[in-house]
Amino acid sequence: MIQYLVEELALLSNNNQEIEFAFLDIETTGLDPFMGDKMCEIAILKTRGYRVLDRLETLVNPGISIPPRASSIHRITDDMVRKSPFFRNIAFKVKTFLEGAIVIAHNARFDLGFLFVEFNNLKLSPPENTVLDTLKIARRYYDFPSNNLGDIARDIGISTLSEHRAFADVRITKEVFEFFISDLKRRGIRIKSLKDILKLQGEPLKFDPPSGLILPQAIEGALRTKGKLQITYLSAYSDVTTTRIIEPIEVNLRKSNTYLLAYCHLRKERCSFRLDRILEVKNVC
């Protein structure tokens, strides 16, 4: 579980130049992962103190169409992500990349909510990291007209070039965080250890994984309306994918996997589809 692990801080270095940070940002198809919205880009910048160690940046195929409203904000289109990896293809890489670092994000609940849903749907335990939210610091110590990441950056003189793309927002988050540390030190606030840094955000905030499987919104809708879907399905016996028109009937749990029972127009019969092997889903009019 990703959470603020205050009780573990005494075990960590008191020299904040030795602490590893992982600045994280995710771009998405919508606002609510619990209603089927998906990530379409992820970026992580790993540092030790203020020195850059490594970066991870990739578009992610969400398996659903990106709504025009979301695309107008981050400028990511369906064409751009069509040949990008699905999250299932990068999940272990993301988890490994975060290991041992303090995760820093602006409005961390949003980004980590999407990670929880993705890991949960793959039946993988989420990474366990201490988390720092720059939004909480902004609200606690400052009185910005707007606490939007880009607005804060502009108020303190940080460039917002390419704002709303994942790596650009990671860079902005890093520079905002460094400004906060420097400015708060200047104001006489004690910041000499990781414990001091995490105290800046106030009370600990826990991120609990979702209690059940989150179905893609298109599947939920088709189950309610008895509608048709077009899916791209990865065979359980090979790496072959097929495109099928299906009519969902119900969702079943078998041992450790979840299956969608549907009438398959390719096979002309009812078939069971393992949910984590459905790579893409679209509504059929």
Foldseek 3Di string as FASTA:
>chain_A
DAWACLVCFVVDDLAQLQAKEKEKDWQWLDQAVLLAIATQWIKIFIHRNLHTDDMDIFTAQSQEFRDPVSCVQLVDGNVNHVPTHHCVVCVVVVLVVCPRHAYEYAPVLRVVLNVLQVCVQVVHDHHYHNYDHVLLLCVPPHDQPDSDLVSLCVVVPHDQPSPNHTVSSSVSRSVSLVVSVVVVVVVVQDDRGPSSSRCSSPDMDDDDRDPDHRDRNQLVVLQVVQFKKWWWFQDPVDRDIDIWIWGWHDWDDDDPWIWTWTQTPVVRGIDIGTRVRGSHMYGDD
